[in-house]
Amino acid sequence: MRRLRHHLQHWLNPLHVFCRLRNLGLETDTARKLCARYERFFYAPVFS
């Protein structure tokens, strides 16, 4: 279970998500704003 959590934390890391959004063609500001909200409302509550 610990290993799964580690992998999920990596793949769902806001910086990782930001890079994937940029690869999909989103502008930097848009991807940054989405990731800030994602981190605040999803990542931090789930993984803290």
Protein backbone atom coordinates (compact mmCIF):
# COMPACT_ATOMS: atom_id res chain seq x y z
CA MET A 1 0.00 0.00 0.00
CA ARG A 2 2.87 2.37 0.80
CA ARG A 3 4.30 1.83 -2.68
CA LEU A 4 0.98 2.66 -4.34
CA ARG A 5 0.68 5.86 -2.32
CA HIS A 6 4.20 6.88 -3.37
CA HIS A 7 3.41 6.36 -7.05
CA LEU A 8 0.11 8.23 -6.79
CA GLN A 9 1.82 11.12 -5.03
CA HIS A 10 4.31 11.31 -7.86
CA TRP A 11 1.84 11.11 -10.74
CA LEU A 12 -0.69 13.40 -9.08
CA ASN A 13 1.90 15.94 -7.94
CA PRO A 14 0.80 19.45 -9.00
CA LEU A 15 4.08 20.12 -10.81
CA HIS A 16 3.71 16.87 -12.73
CA VAL A 17 0.11 17.78 -13.61
CA PHE A 18 1.28 21.24 -14.69
CA CYS A 19 3.81 19.71 -17.08
CA ARG A 20 1.20 17.38 -18.56
CA LEU A 21 -1.20 20.29 -19.09
CA ARG A 22 1.55 22.25 -20.83
CA ASN A 23 2.27 19.21 -23.03
CA LEU A 24 -1.41 19.18 -23.98
CA GLY A 25 -1.09 22.76 -25.21
CA LEU A 26 -2.50 24.87 -22.37
CA GLU A 27 -0.95 28.28 -21.91
CA THR A 28 1.37 28.70 -18.93
CA ASP A 29 -0.94 31.03 -16.98
CA THR A 30 -3.98 28.79 -17.50
CA ALA A 31 -2.10 25.65 -16.47
CA ARG A 32 -0.65 27.43 -13.42
CA LYS A 33 -4.09 28.61 -12.26
CA LEU A 34 -5.62 25.17 -12.73
CA CYS A 35 -2.79 23.52 -10.82
CA ALA A 36 -3.05 26.01 -7.96
CA ARG A 37 -6.72 25.14 -7.52
CA TYR A 38 -6.03 21.43 -8.01
CA GLU A 39 -3.36 21.53 -5.31
CA ARG A 40 -5.51 23.45 -2.87
CA PHE A 41 -8.75 21.52 -3.26
CA PHE A 42 -7.59 18.01 -4.15
CA TYR A 43 -3.91 17.23 -3.65
CA ALA A 44 -3.33 18.88 -0.26
CA PRO A 45 -6.44 17.47 1.45
CA VAL A 46 -5.87 13.95 0.09
CA PHE A 47 -2.11 13.64 0.64
CA SER A 48 -1.53 15.66 3.80
